[in-house]
Amino acid sequence: MHSSLIVARMKPEDNAAVAQLFGAFDQTEMPGLMGTRRRQLFSYRGLYFHLQDFDGDDGGERIEKAKDHPLFQRVSADLRPFIEAYDPATWRSPADAMAERFYQWSA
Protein backbone atom coordinates (compact mmCIF):
# COMPACT_ATOMS: atom_id res chain seq x y z
CA MET A 1 0.00 0.00 0.00
CA HIS A 2 1.23 3.50 -0.83
CA SER A 3 0.61 6.35 1.63
CA SER A 4 1.16 10.06 1.25
CA LEU A 5 1.09 12.77 3.88
CA ILE A 6 0.66 16.37 2.78
CA VAL A 7 1.58 19.10 5.27
CA ALA A 8 0.28 22.64 4.85
CA ARG A 9 -1.20 25.50 6.85
CA MET A 10 -4.87 25.92 7.66
CA LYS A 11 -6.85 27.97 10.17
CA PRO A 12 -8.59 25.70 12.69
CA GLU A 13 -11.93 27.39 12.01
CA ASP A 14 -11.78 26.08 8.43
CA ASN A 15 -11.86 22.40 9.44
CA ALA A 16 -15.57 21.98 8.68
CA ALA A 17 -15.38 23.68 5.26
CA VAL A 18 -12.40 21.56 4.19
CA ALA A 19 -14.06 18.37 5.46
CA GLN A 20 -17.20 19.25 3.51
CA LEU A 21 -15.22 19.80 0.29
CA PHE A 22 -13.46 16.45 0.63
CA GLY A 23 -16.72 14.75 1.63
CA ALA A 24 -18.26 15.82 -1.68
CA PHE A 25 -15.08 14.96 -3.63
CA ASP A 26 -14.96 11.49 -2.10
CA GLN A 27 -18.52 10.80 -3.30
CA THR A 28 -17.34 11.13 -6.92
CA GLU A 29 -15.44 8.59 -9.01
CA MET A 30 -12.11 10.25 -8.17
CA PRO A 31 -11.13 8.05 -5.20
CA GLY A 32 -11.63 5.00 -7.40
CA LEU A 33 -9.65 6.52 -10.27
CA MET A 34 -6.81 7.42 -7.92
CA GLY A 35 -6.93 4.13 -6.02
CA THR A 36 -7.62 5.93 -2.75
CA ARG A 37 -8.43 3.45 -0.03
CA ARG A 38 -8.62 5.90 2.86
CA ARG A 39 -8.32 9.66 3.43
CA GLN A 40 -7.76 11.23 6.83
CA LEU A 41 -7.49 14.95 7.57
CA PHE A 42 -5.88 16.30 10.72
CA SER A 43 -5.22 19.76 12.08
CA TYR A 44 -2.86 20.87 14.82
CA ARG A 45 -2.14 24.47 15.82
CA GLY A 46 -2.59 25.97 12.38
CA LEU A 47 -1.13 22.99 10.51
CA TYR A 48 -3.03 20.73 8.13
CA PHE A 49 -2.18 17.07 7.58
CA HIS A 50 -3.74 15.09 4.75
CA LEU A 51 -3.02 11.37 4.98
CA GLN A 52 -4.06 9.27 2.03
CA ASP A 53 -3.67 5.51 1.60
CA PHE A 54 -3.78 3.94 -1.85
CA ASP A 55 -4.25 0.45 -3.25
CA GLY A 56 -0.91 -0.84 -4.52
CA ASP A 57 2.36 1.03 -4.70
CA ASP A 58 1.54 3.36 -7.59
CA GLY A 59 -0.47 5.98 -5.65
CA GLY A 60 1.92 8.77 -6.52
CA GLU A 61 1.65 7.98 -10.22
CA ARG A 62 -2.13 7.83 -10.03
CA ILE A 63 -2.27 11.25 -8.37
CA GLU A 64 -0.10 12.69 -11.14
CA LYS A 65 -2.49 11.31 -13.76
CA ALA A 66 -5.55 12.56 -11.83
CA LYS A 67 -4.28 16.14 -11.58
CA ASP A 68 -5.67 16.94 -15.03
CA HIS A 69 -9.16 15.60 -14.26
CA PRO A 70 -11.77 18.40 -13.94
CA LEU A 71 -12.98 17.12 -10.54
CA PHE A 72 -9.43 17.13 -9.16
CA GLN A 73 -8.83 20.62 -10.50
CA ARG A 74 -12.10 21.84 -9.04
CA VAL A 75 -11.47 20.54 -5.52
CA SER A 76 -7.97 22.01 -5.68
CA ALA A 77 -9.41 25.41 -6.62
CA ASP A 78 -12.12 25.14 -3.96
CA LEU A 79 -9.48 24.39 -1.29
CA ARG A 80 -7.23 27.36 -2.14
CA PRO A 81 -9.01 29.81 0.19
CA PHE A 82 -8.48 27.42 3.11
CA ILE A 83 -5.17 25.61 2.55
CA GLU A 84 -1.86 27.42 2.08
CA ALA A 85 1.61 26.07 1.47
CA TYR A 86 3.69 25.30 4.53
CA ASP A 87 6.57 27.19 2.92
CA PRO A 88 5.29 29.39 0.07
CA ALA A 89 8.86 30.30 -0.94
CA THR A 90 9.68 26.72 -1.94
CA TRP A 91 6.26 25.38 -3.01
CA ARG A 92 5.96 24.55 -6.72
CA SER A 93 3.63 21.54 -6.68
CA PRO A 94 1.87 19.22 -4.18
CA ALA A 95 5.04 17.09 -4.15
CA ASP A 96 6.75 19.96 -2.28
CA ALA A 97 4.24 19.56 0.55
CA MET A 98 4.66 15.80 1.04
CA ALA A 99 6.25 14.58 4.21
CA GLU A 100 9.04 12.04 3.90
CA ARG A 101 8.49 8.73 5.67
CA PHE A 102 11.57 7.75 7.62
CA TYR A 103 10.21 4.80 9.64
CA GLN A 104 7.45 2.26 9.19
CA TRP A 105 6.25 -0.74 11.16
CA SER A 106 3.40 -3.18 10.46
CA ALA A 107 2.05 -6.11 12.39
PDB file of N, CA and C in Angstrom:
ATOM      1  N   MET A   1       0.848  -1.177   0.000  1.00  0.00           N
ATOM      2  CA  MET A   1       0.000   0.000   0.000  1.00  0.00           C
ATOM      3  C   MET A   1       0.891   1.238   0.000  1.00  0.00           C
ATOM      4  N   HIS A   2       0.524   2.221  -0.775  1.00  0.00           N
ATOM      5  CA  HIS A   2       1.231   3.501  -0.829  1.00  0.00           C
ATOM      6  C   HIS A   2       0.485   4.492   0.052  1.00  0.00           C
ATOM      7  N   SER A   3       1.203   5.287   0.817  1.00  0.00           N
ATOM      8  CA  SER A   3       0.611   6.350   1.628  1.00  0.00           C
ATOM      9  C   SER A   3       1.306   7.653   1.296  1.00  0.00           C
ATOM     10  N   SER A   4       0.559   8.733   1.383  1.00  0.00           N
ATOM     11  CA  SER A   4       1.158  10.057   1.246  1.00  0.00           C
ATOM     12  C   SER A   4       0.620  10.940   2.360  1.00  0.00           C
ATOM     13  N   LEU A   5       1.476  11.832   2.841  1.00  0.00           N
ATOM     14  CA  LEU A   5       1.093  12.773   3.885  1.00  0.00           C
ATOM     15  C   LEU A   5       1.472  14.166   3.403  1.00  0.00           C
ATOM     16  N   ILE A   6       0.457  14.990   3.198  1.00  0.00           N
ATOM     17  CA  ILE A   6       0.658  16.373   2.785  1.00  0.00           C
ATOM     18  C   ILE A   6       0.582  17.246   4.023  1.00  0.00           C
ATOM     19  N   VAL A   7       1.531  18.157   4.149  1.00  0.00           N
ATOM     20  CA  VAL A   7       1.585  19.096   5.273  1.00  0.00           C
ATOM     21  C   VAL A   7       1.427  20.504   4.715  1.00  0.00           C
ATOM     22  N   ALA A   8       0.509  21.262   5.293  1.00  0.00           N
ATOM     23  CA  ALA A   8       0.276  22.642   4.852  1.00  0.00           C
ATOM     24  C   ALA A   8      -0.194  23.451   6.057  1.00  0.00           C
ATOM     25  N   ARG A   9      -0.664  24.636   5.788  1.00  0.00           N
ATOM     26  CA  ARG A   9      -1.197  25.502   6.848  1.00  0.00           C
ATOM     27  C   ARG A   9      -2.691  25.706   6.618  1.00  0.00           C
ATOM     28  N   MET A  10      -3.427  25.738   7.734  1.00  0.00           N
ATOM     29  CA  MET A  10      -4.874  25.924   7.661  1.00  0.00           C
ATOM     30  C   MET A  10      -5.345  26.492   8.996  1.00  0.00           C
ATOM     31  N   LYS A  11      -6.256  27.433   8.948  1.00  0.00           N
ATOM     32  CA  LYS A  11      -6.848  27.968  10.172  1.00  0.00           C
ATOM     33  C   LYS A  11      -7.785  26.924  10.768  1.00  0.00           C
ATOM     34  N   PRO A  12      -7.734  26.715  12.076  1.00  0.00           N
ATOM     35  CA  PRO A  12      -8.594  25.696  12.690  1.00  0.00           C
ATOM     36  C   PRO A  12     -10.085  25.907  12.418  1.00  0.00           C
ATOM     37  N   GLU A  13     -10.505  27.136  12.258  1.00  0.00           N
ATOM     38  CA  GLU A  13     -11.928  27.391  12.015  1.00  0.00           C
ATOM     39  C   GLU A  13     -12.369  26.940  10.618  1.00  0.00           C
ATOM     40  N   ASP A  14     -11.439  26.551   9.773  1.00  0.00           N
ATOM     41  CA  ASP A  14     -11.778  26.083   8.431  1.00  0.00           C
ATOM     42  C   ASP A  14     -11.918  24.563   8.338  1.00  0.00           C
ATOM     43  N   ASN A  15     -11.758  23.863   9.443  1.00  0.00           N
ATOM     44  CA  ASN A  15     -11.859  22.399   9.438  1.00  0.00           C
ATOM     45  C   ASN A  15     -13.148  21.912   8.777  1.00  0.00           C
ATOM     46  N   ALA A  16     -14.272  22.465   9.182  1.00  0.00           N
ATOM     47  CA  ALA A  16     -15.569  21.982   8.679  1.00  0.00           C
ATOM     48  C   ALA A  16     -15.707  22.213   7.174  1.00  0.00           C
ATOM     49  N   ALA A  17     -15.270  23.378   6.695  1.00  0.00           N
ATOM     50  CA  ALA A  17     -15.382  23.677   5.258  1.00  0.00           C
ATOM     51  C   ALA A  17     -14.518  22.725   4.440  1.00  0.00           C
ATOM     52  N   VAL A  18     -13.301  22.462   4.912  1.00  0.00           N
ATOM     53  CA  VAL A  18     -12.398  21.557   4.190  1.00  0.00           C
ATOM     54  C   VAL A  18     -12.949  20.133   4.217  1.00  0.00           C
ATOM     55  N   ALA A  19     -13.463  19.716   5.368  1.00  0.00           N
ATOM     56  CA  ALA A  19     -14.056  18.373   5.463  1.00  0.00           C
ATOM     57  C   ALA A  19     -15.242  18.240   4.516  1.00  0.00           C
ATOM     58  N   GLN A  20     -16.040  19.289   4.406  1.00  0.00           N
ATOM     59  CA  GLN A  20     -17.203  19.249   3.506  1.00  0.00           C
ATOM     60  C   GLN A  20     -16.752  19.134   2.044  1.00  0.00           C
ATOM     61  N   LEU A  21     -15.724  19.875   1.667  1.00  0.00           N
ATOM     62  CA  LEU A  21     -15.224  19.795   0.288  1.00  0.00           C
ATOM     63  C   LEU A  21     -14.712  18.394  -0.036  1.00  0.00           C
ATOM     64  N   PHE A  22     -13.951  17.806   0.890  1.00  0.00           N
ATOM     65  CA  PHE A  22     -13.464  16.453   0.633  1.00  0.00           C
ATOM     66  C   PHE A  22     -14.586  15.427   0.713  1.00  0.00           C
ATOM     67  N   GLY A  23     -15.581  15.655   1.567  1.00  0.00           N
ATOM     68  CA  GLY A  23     -16.720  14.746   1.627  1.00  0.00           C
ATOM     69  C   GLY A  23     -17.430  14.655   0.282  1.00  0.00           C
ATOM     70  N   ALA A  24     -17.621  15.803  -0.360  1.00  0.00           N
ATOM     71  CA  ALA A  24     -18.258  15.821  -1.675  1.00  0.00           C
ATOM     72  C   ALA A  24     -17.345  15.190  -2.727  1.00  0.00           C
ATOM     73  N   PHE A  25     -16.053  15.507  -2.673  1.00  0.00           N
ATOM     74  CA  PHE A  25     -15.082  14.956  -3.626  1.00  0.00           C
ATOM     75  C   PHE A  25     -15.029  13.435  -3.520  1.00  0.00           C
ATOM     76  N   ASP A  26     -15.067  12.933  -2.306  1.00  0.00           N
ATOM     77  CA  ASP A  26     -14.964  11.489  -2.098  1.00  0.00           C
ATOM     78  C   ASP A  26     -16.223  10.731  -2.495  1.00  0.00           C
ATOM     79  N   GLN A  27     -17.297  11.440  -2.795  1.00  0.00           N
ATOM     80  CA  GLN A  27     -18.515  10.805  -3.299  1.00  0.00           C
ATOM     81  C   GLN A  27     -18.492  10.661  -4.819  1.00  0.00           C
ATOM     82  N   THR A  28     -17.465  11.230  -5.463  1.00  0.00           N
ATOM     83  CA  THR A  28     -17.339  11.133  -6.922  1.00  0.00           C
ATOM     84  C   THR A  28     -16.532   9.887  -7.283  1.00  0.00           C
ATOM     85  N   GLU A  29     -16.243   9.736  -8.569  1.00  0.00           N
ATOM     86  CA  GLU A  29     -15.443   8.595  -9.011  1.00  0.00           C
ATOM     87  C   GLU A  29     -13.947   8.780  -8.764  1.00  0.00           C
ATOM     88  N   MET A  30     -13.539   9.966  -8.300  1.00  0.00           N
ATOM     89  CA  MET A  30     -12.111  10.254  -8.170  1.00  0.00           C
ATOM     90  C   MET A  30     -11.366   9.315  -7.217  1.00  0.00           C
ATOM     91  N   PRO A  31     -11.885   8.996  -6.040  1.00  0.00           N
ATOM     92  CA  PRO A  31     -11.132   8.053  -5.196  1.00  0.00           C
ATOM     93  C   PRO A  31     -10.861   6.729  -5.913  1.00  0.00           C
ATOM     94  N   GLY A  32     -11.831   6.239  -6.662  1.00  0.00           N
ATOM     95  CA  GLY A  32     -11.627   5.004  -7.403  1.00  0.00           C
ATOM     96  C   GLY A  32     -10.590   5.152  -8.503  1.00  0.00           C
ATOM     97  N   LEU A  33     -10.625   6.284  -9.209  1.00  0.00           N
ATOM     98  CA  LEU A  33      -9.649   6.521 -10.271  1.00  0.00           C
ATOM     99  C   LEU A  33      -8.232   6.634  -9.709  1.00  0.00           C
ATOM    100  N   MET A  34      -8.123   7.218  -8.524  1.00  0.00           N
ATOM    101  CA  MET A  34      -6.809   7.416  -7.919  1.00  0.00           C
ATOM    102  C   MET A  34      -6.357   6.203  -7.103  1.00  0.00           C
ATOM    103  N   GLY A  35      -7.268   5.278  -6.848  1.00  0.00           N
ATOM    104  CA  GLY A  35      -6.929   4.131  -6.020  1.00  0.00           C
ATOM    105  C   GLY A  35      -6.903   4.458  -4.539  1.00  0.00           C
ATOM    106  N   THR A  36      -7.601   5.526  -4.154  1.00  0.00           N
ATOM    107  CA  THR A  36      -7.623   5.931  -2.751  1.00  0.00           C
ATOM    108  C   THR A  36      -8.414   4.929  -1.929  1.00  0.00           C
ATOM    109  N   ARG A  37      -7.784   4.386  -0.942  1.00  0.00           N
ATOM    110  CA  ARG A  37      -8.429   3.448  -0.030  1.00  0.00           C
ATOM    111  C   ARG A  37      -8.978   4.181   1.197  1.00  0.00           C
ATOM    112  N   ARG A  38      -8.207   5.174   1.659  1.00  0.00           N
ATOM    113  CA  ARG A  38      -8.616   5.904   2.862  1.00  0.00           C
ATOM    114  C   ARG A  38      -8.017   7.298   2.824  1.00  0.00           C
ATOM    115  N   ARG A  39      -8.787   8.273   3.288  1.00  0.00           N
ATOM    116  CA  ARG A  39      -8.320   9.656   3.427  1.00  0.00           C
ATOM    117  C   ARG A  39      -8.589  10.088   4.863  1.00  0.00           C
ATOM    118  N   GLN A  40      -7.601  10.687   5.485  1.00  0.00           N
ATOM    119  CA  GLN A  40      -7.761  11.229   6.826  1.00  0.00           C
ATOM    120  C   GLN A  40      -7.195  12.643   6.843  1.00  0.00           C
ATOM    121  N   LEU A  41      -7.928  13.564   7.440  1.00  0.00           N
ATOM    122  CA  LEU A  41      -7.488  14.951   7.567  1.00  0.00           C
ATOM    123  C   LEU A  41      -7.295  15.266   9.043  1.00  0.00           C
ATOM    124  N   PHE A  42      -6.197  15.927   9.349  1.00  0.00           N
ATOM    125  CA  PHE A  42      -5.877  16.300  10.722  1.00  0.00           C
ATOM    126  C   PHE A  42      -5.488  17.770  10.763  1.00  0.00           C
ATOM    127  N   SER A  43      -5.730  18.403  11.887  1.00  0.00           N
ATOM    128  CA  SER A  43      -5.224  19.762  12.083  1.00  0.00           C
ATOM    129  C   SER A  43      -4.584  19.842  13.465  1.00  0.00           C
ATOM    130  N   TYR A  44      -3.559  20.676  13.550  1.00  0.00           N
ATOM    131  CA  TYR A  44      -2.864  20.870  14.819  1.00  0.00           C
ATOM    132  C   TYR A  44      -2.213  22.246  14.803  1.00  0.00           C
ATOM    133  N   ARG A  45      -2.731  23.141  15.621  1.00  0.00           N
ATOM    134  CA  ARG A  45      -2.143  24.468  15.819  1.00  0.00           C
ATOM    135  C   ARG A  45      -1.804  25.185  14.506  1.00  0.00           C
ATOM    136  N   GLY A  46      -2.775  25.248  13.634  1.00  0.00           N
ATOM    137  CA  GLY A  46      -2.585  25.966  12.377  1.00  0.00           C
ATOM    138  C   GLY A  46      -1.942  25.149  11.272  1.00  0.00           C
ATOM    139  N   LEU A  47      -1.681  23.864  11.542  1.00  0.00           N
ATOM    140  CA  LEU A  47      -1.130  22.989  10.512  1.00  0.00           C
ATOM    141  C   LEU A  47      -2.215  22.034  10.028  1.00  0.00           C
ATOM    142  N   TYR A  48      -2.094  21.622   8.797  1.00  0.00           N
ATOM    143  CA  TYR A  48      -3.033  20.732   8.128  1.00  0.00           C
ATOM    144  C   TYR A  48      -2.251  19.503   7.680  1.00  0.00           C
ATOM    145  N   PHE A  49      -2.800  18.334   7.972  1.00  0.00           N
ATOM    146  CA  PHE A  49      -2.182  17.074   7.579  1.00  0.00           C
ATOM    147  C   PHE A  49      -3.216  16.259   6.808  1.00  0.00           C
ATOM    148  N   HIS A  50      -2.840  15.830   5.625  1.00  0.00           N
ATOM    149  CA  HIS A  50      -3.745  15.090   4.747  1.00  0.00           C
ATOM    150  C   HIS A  50      -3.080  13.751   4.458  1.00  0.00           C
ATOM    151  N   LEU A  51      -3.566  12.718   5.131  1.00  0.00           N
ATOM    152  CA  LEU A  51      -3.016  11.370   4.977  1.00  0.00           C
ATOM    153  C   LEU A  51      -3.918  10.585   4.047  1.00  0.00           C
ATOM    154  N   GLN A  52      -3.304  10.022   3.018  1.00  0.00           N
ATOM    155  CA  GLN A  52      -4.055   9.269   2.025  1.00  0.00           C
ATOM    156  C   GLN A  52      -3.378   7.916   1.813  1.00  0.00           C
ATOM    157  N   ASP A  53      -4.168   6.861   1.859  1.00  0.00           N
ATOM    158  CA  ASP A  53      -3.670   5.513   1.601  1.00  0.00           C
ATOM    159  C   ASP A  53      -4.249   5.043   0.275  1.00  0.00           C
ATOM    160  N   PHE A  54      -3.410   4.367  -0.509  1.00  0.00           N
ATOM    161  CA  PHE A  54      -3.782   3.936  -1.851  1.00  0.00           C
ATOM    162  C   PHE A  54      -3.616   2.432  -1.991  1.00  0.00           C
ATOM    163  N   ASP A  55      -4.443   1.846  -2.862  1.00  0.00           N
ATOM    164  CA  ASP A  55      -4.248   0.453  -3.254  1.00  0.00           C
ATOM    165  C   ASP A  55      -2.939   0.372  -4.029  1.00  0.00           C
ATOM    166  N   GLY A  56      -2.154  -0.638  -3.770  1.00  0.00           N
ATOM    167  CA  GLY A  56      -0.913  -0.838  -4.520  1.00  0.00           C
ATOM    168  C   GLY A  56       0.153   0.173  -4.171  1.00  0.00           C
ATOM    169  N   ASP A  57       1.220   0.153  -4.942  1.00  0.00           N
ATOM    170  CA  ASP A  57       2.359   1.032  -4.695  1.00  0.00           C
ATOM    171  C   ASP A  57       2.454   2.185  -5.686  1.00  0.00           C
ATOM    172  N   ASP A  58       1.455   2.337  -6.550  1.00  0.00           N
ATOM    173  CA  ASP A  58       1.538   3.364  -7.586  1.00  0.00           C
ATOM    174  C   ASP A  58       0.661   4.576  -7.292  1.00  0.00           C
ATOM    175  N   GLY A  59       0.385   4.855  -6.013  1.00  0.00           N
ATOM    176  CA  GLY A  59      -0.475   5.976  -5.649  1.00  0.00           C
ATOM    177  C   GLY A  59       0.048   7.311  -6.142  1.00  0.00           C
ATOM    178  N   GLY A  60       1.349   7.519  -6.043  1.00  0.00           N
ATOM    179  CA  GLY A  60       1.923   8.769  -6.523  1.00  0.00           C
ATOM    180  C   GLY A  60       1.712   8.971  -8.006  1.00  0.00           C
ATOM    181  N   GLU A  61       1.870   7.902  -8.775  1.00  0.00           N
ATOM    182  CA  GLU A  61       1.652   7.979 -10.223  1.00  0.00           C
ATOM    183  C   GLU A  61       0.192   8.247 -10.536  1.00  0.00           C
ATOM    184  N   ARG A  62      -0.699   7.632  -9.780  1.00  0.00           N
ATOM    185  CA  ARG A  62      -2.131   7.832 -10.031  1.00  0.00           C
ATOM    186  C   ARG A  62      -2.556   9.262  -9.712  1.00  0.00           C
ATOM    187  N   ILE A  63      -1.969   9.853  -8.683  1.00  0.00           N
ATOM    188  CA  ILE A  63      -2.272  11.255  -8.367  1.00  0.00           C
ATOM    189  C   ILE A  63      -1.811  12.148  -9.510  1.00  0.00           C
ATOM    190  N   GLU A  64      -0.615  11.901 -10.025  1.00  0.00           N
ATOM    191  CA  GLU A  64      -0.097  12.694 -11.145  1.00  0.00           C
ATOM    192  C   GLU A  64      -1.043  12.637 -12.338  1.00  0.00           C
ATOM    193  N   LYS A  65      -1.561  11.451 -12.639  1.00  0.00           N
ATOM    194  CA  LYS A  65      -2.493  11.306 -13.756  1.00  0.00           C
ATOM    195  C   LYS A  65      -3.820  12.007 -13.465  1.00  0.00           C
ATOM    196  N   ALA A  66      -4.251  11.977 -12.208  1.00  0.00           N
ATOM    197  CA  ALA A  66      -5.548  12.557 -11.834  1.00  0.00           C
ATOM    198  C   ALA A  66      -5.528  14.076 -11.810  1.00  0.00           C
ATOM    199  N   LYS A  67      -4.366  14.682 -11.715  1.00  0.00           N
ATOM    200  CA  LYS A  67      -4.279  16.140 -11.579  1.00  0.00           C
ATOM    201  C   LYS A  67      -4.944  16.890 -12.724  1.00  0.00           C
ATOM    202  N   ASP A  68      -5.051  16.272 -13.889  1.00  0.00           N
ATOM    203  CA  ASP A  68      -5.674  16.940 -15.032  1.00  0.00           C
ATOM    204  C   ASP A  68      -7.186  16.731 -15.111  1.00  0.00           C
ATOM    205  N   HIS A  69      -7.718  15.881 -14.250  1.00  0.00           N
ATOM    206  CA  HIS A  69      -9.155  15.602 -14.262  1.00  0.00           C
ATOM    207  C   HIS A  69      -9.908  16.837 -13.733  1.00  0.00           C
ATOM    208  N   PRO A  70     -11.014  17.213 -14.373  1.00  0.00           N
ATOM    209  CA  PRO A  70     -11.773  18.400 -13.939  1.00  0.00           C
ATOM    210  C   PRO A  70     -12.204  18.359 -12.463  1.00  0.00           C
ATOM    211  N   LEU A  71     -12.572  17.193 -11.951  1.00  0.00           N
ATOM    212  CA  LEU A  71     -12.980  17.116 -10.545  1.00  0.00           C
ATOM    213  C   LEU A  71     -11.802  17.374  -9.609  1.00  0.00           C
ATOM    214  N   PHE A  72     -10.632  16.882  -9.964  1.00  0.00           N
ATOM    215  CA  PHE A  72      -9.433  17.127  -9.164  1.00  0.00           C
ATOM    216  C   PHE A  72      -9.084  18.613  -9.190  1.00  0.00           C
ATOM    217  N   GLN A  73      -9.144  19.204 -10.378  1.00  0.00           N
ATOM    218  CA  GLN A  73      -8.832  20.620 -10.500  1.00  0.00           C
ATOM    219  C   GLN A  73      -9.834  21.481  -9.738  1.00  0.00           C
ATOM    220  N   ARG A  74     -11.083  21.060  -9.756  1.00  0.00           N
ATOM    221  CA  ARG A  74     -12.103  21.837  -9.042  1.00  0.00           C
ATOM    222  C   ARG A  74     -11.900  21.792  -7.539  1.00  0.00           C
ATOM    223  N   VAL A  75     -11.657  20.603  -6.974  1.00  0.00           N
ATOM    224  CA  VAL A  75     -11.466  20.540  -5.524  1.00  0.00           C
ATOM    225  C   VAL A  75     -10.203  21.302  -5.132  1.00  0.00           C
ATOM    226  N   SER A  76      -9.185  21.244  -5.964  1.00  0.00           N
ATOM    227  CA  SER A  76      -7.969  22.005  -5.681  1.00  0.00           C
ATOM    228  C   SER A  76      -8.264  23.499  -5.636  1.00  0.00           C
ATOM    229  N   ALA A  77      -9.040  23.990  -6.596  1.00  0.00           N
ATOM    230  CA  ALA A  77      -9.410  25.410  -6.618  1.00  0.00           C
ATOM    231  C   ALA A  77     -10.287  25.770  -5.427  1.00  0.00           C
ATOM    232  N   ASP A  78     -11.220  24.884  -5.084  1.00  0.00           N
ATOM    233  CA  ASP A  78     -12.117  25.144  -3.956  1.00  0.00           C
ATOM    234  C   ASP A  78     -11.373  25.166  -2.619  1.00  0.00           C
ATOM    235  N   LEU A  79     -10.265  24.448  -2.539  1.00  0.00           N
ATOM    236  CA  LEU A  79      -9.481  24.387  -1.289  1.00  0.00           C
ATOM    237  C   LEU A  79      -8.534  25.581  -1.121  1.00  0.00           C
ATOM    238  N   ARG A  80      -8.222  26.270  -2.204  1.00  0.00           N
ATOM    239  CA  ARG A  80      -7.232  27.360  -2.138  1.00  0.00           C
ATOM    240  C   ARG A  80      -7.520  28.412  -1.074  1.00  0.00           C
ATOM    241  N   PRO A  81      -8.778  28.808  -0.849  1.00  0.00           N
ATOM    242  CA  PRO A  81      -9.008  29.814   0.194  1.00  0.00           C
ATOM    243  C   PRO A  81      -8.712  29.303   1.613  1.00  0.00           C
ATOM    244  N   PHE A  82      -8.626  27.993   1.780  1.00  0.00           N
ATOM    245  CA  PHE A  82      -8.482  27.418   3.109  1.00  0.00           C
ATOM    246  C   PHE A  82      -7.097  26.840   3.399  1.00  0.00           C
ATOM    247  N   ILE A  83      -6.447  26.305   2.385  1.00  0.00           N
ATOM    248  CA  ILE A  83      -5.168  25.615   2.555  1.00  0.00           C
ATOM    249  C   ILE A  83      -4.067  26.450   1.917  1.00  0.00           C
ATOM    250  N   GLU A  84      -2.999  26.705   2.660  1.00  0.00           N
ATOM    251  CA  GLU A  84      -1.864  27.419   2.081  1.00  0.00           C
ATOM    252  C   GLU A  84      -0.595  26.608   2.289  1.00  0.00           C
ATOM    253  N   ALA A  85       0.353  26.821   1.422  1.00  0.00           N
ATOM    254  CA  ALA A  85       1.608  26.068   1.466  1.00  0.00           C
ATOM    255  C   ALA A  85       2.296  26.254   2.816  1.00  0.00           C
ATOM    256  N   TYR A  86       2.914  25.213   3.287  1.00  0.00           N
ATOM    257  CA  TYR A  86       3.688  25.297   4.528  1.00  0.00           C
ATOM    258  C   TYR A  86       4.810  26.311   4.356  1.00  0.00           C
ATOM    259  N   ASP A  87       5.500  26.253   3.226  1.00  0.00           N
ATOM    260  CA  ASP A  87       6.572  27.189   2.917  1.00  0.00           C
ATOM    261  C   ASP A  87       6.340  27.734   1.511  1.00  0.00           C
ATOM    262  N   PRO A  88       5.626  28.849   1.399  1.00  0.00           N
ATOM    263  CA  PRO A  88       5.293  29.386   0.072  1.00  0.00           C
ATOM    264  C   PRO A  88       6.521  29.689  -0.794  1.00  0.00           C
ATOM    265  N   ALA A  89       7.657  29.960  -0.180  1.00  0.00           N
ATOM    266  CA  ALA A  89       8.857  30.303  -0.945  1.00  0.00           C
ATOM    267  C   ALA A  89       9.398  29.113  -1.735  1.00  0.00           C
ATOM    268  N   THR A  90       9.130  27.898  -1.266  1.00  0.00           N
ATOM    269  CA  THR A  90       9.685  26.722  -1.943  1.00  0.00           C
ATOM    270  C   THR A  90       8.623  25.862  -2.613  1.00  0.00           C
ATOM    271  N   TRP A  91       7.337  26.206  -2.450  1.00  0.00           N
ATOM    272  CA  TRP A  91       6.262  25.380  -3.006  1.00  0.00           C
ATOM    273  C   TRP A  91       6.117  25.609  -4.498  1.00  0.00           C
ATOM    274  N   ARG A  92       6.184  24.512  -5.278  1.00  0.00           N
ATOM    275  CA  ARG A  92       5.963  24.551  -6.717  1.00  0.00           C
ATOM    276  C   ARG A  92       4.844  23.605  -7.126  1.00  0.00           C
ATOM    277  N   SER A  93       4.666  22.513  -6.376  1.00  0.00           N
ATOM    278  CA  SER A  93       3.633  21.535  -6.685  1.00  0.00           C
ATOM    279  C   SER A  93       3.294  20.786  -5.392  1.00  0.00           C
ATOM    280  N   PRO A  94       2.211  19.982  -5.391  1.00  0.00           N
ATOM    281  CA  PRO A  94       1.874  19.225  -4.181  1.00  0.00           C
ATOM    282  C   PRO A  94       3.021  18.339  -3.682  1.00  0.00           C
ATOM    283  N   ALA A  95       3.905  17.924  -4.573  1.00  0.00           N
ATOM    284  CA  ALA A  95       5.036  17.091  -4.153  1.00  0.00           C
ATOM    285  C   ALA A  95       5.920  17.835  -3.149  1.00  0.00           C
ATOM    286  N   ASP A  96       5.936  19.167  -3.207  1.00  0.00           N
ATOM    287  CA  ASP A  96       6.753  19.960  -2.278  1.00  0.00           C
ATOM    288  C   ASP A  96       6.133  20.041  -0.893  1.00  0.00           C
ATOM    289  N   ALA A  97       4.921  19.535  -0.738  1.00  0.00           N
ATOM    290  CA  ALA A  97       4.245  19.559   0.553  1.00  0.00           C
ATOM    291  C   ALA A  97       4.174  18.176   1.191  1.00  0.00           C
ATOM    292  N   MET A  98       4.762  17.172   0.539  1.00  0.00           N
ATOM    293  CA  MET A  98       4.665  15.803   1.037  1.00  0.00           C
ATOM    294  C   MET A  98       5.759  15.507   2.049  1.00  0.00           C
ATOM    295  N   ALA A  99       5.301  14.981   3.177  1.00  0.00           N
ATOM    296  CA  ALA A  99       6.250  14.579   4.212  1.00  0.00           C
ATOM    297  C   ALA A  99       7.010  13.342   3.751  1.00  0.00           C
ATOM    298  N   GLU A 100       8.210  13.196   4.241  1.00  0.00           N
ATOM    299  CA  GLU A 100       9.036  12.041   3.900  1.00  0.00           C
ATOM    300  C   GLU A 100       8.951  11.011   5.024  1.00  0.00           C
ATOM    301  N   ARG A 101       8.541   9.812   4.682  1.00  0.00           N
ATOM    302  CA  ARG A 101       8.486   8.726   5.669  1.00  0.00           C
ATOM    303  C   ARG A 101       9.912   8.285   5.975  1.00  0.00           C
ATOM    304  N   PHE A 102      10.230   8.210   7.261  1.00  0.00           N
ATOM    305  CA  PHE A 102      11.565   7.747   7.621  1.00  0.00           C
ATOM    306  C   PHE A 102      11.547   6.530   8.526  1.00  0.00           C
ATOM    307  N   TYR A 103      10.336   6.043   8.869  1.00  0.00           N
ATOM    308  CA  TYR A 103      10.208   4.804   9.642  1.00  0.00           C
ATOM    309  C   TYR A 103       8.826   4.246   9.403  1.00  0.00           C
ATOM    310  N   GLN A 104       8.744   2.931   9.356  1.00  0.00           N
ATOM    311  CA  GLN A 104       7.450   2.262   9.190  1.00  0.00           C
ATOM    312  C   GLN A 104       7.497   0.927   9.908  1.00  0.00           C
ATOM    313  N   TRP A 105       6.390   0.561  10.509  1.00  0.00           N
ATOM    314  CA  TRP A 105       6.246  -0.743  11.156  1.00  0.00           C
ATOM    315  C   TRP A 105       4.844  -1.245  10.887  1.00  0.00           C
ATOM    316  N   SER A 106       4.710  -2.538  10.642  1.00  0.00           N
ATOM    317  CA  SER A 106       3.401  -3.177  10.456  1.00  0.00           C
ATOM    318  C   SER A 106       3.376  -4.482  11.219  1.00  0.00           C
ATOM    319  N   ALA A 107       2.203  -4.841  11.690  1.00  0.00           N
ATOM    320  CA  ALA A 107       2.047  -6.113  12.387  1.00  0.00           C
ATOM    321  C   ALA A 107       1.996  -7.240  11.386  1.00  0.00           C
TER     322      ALA A 107
END
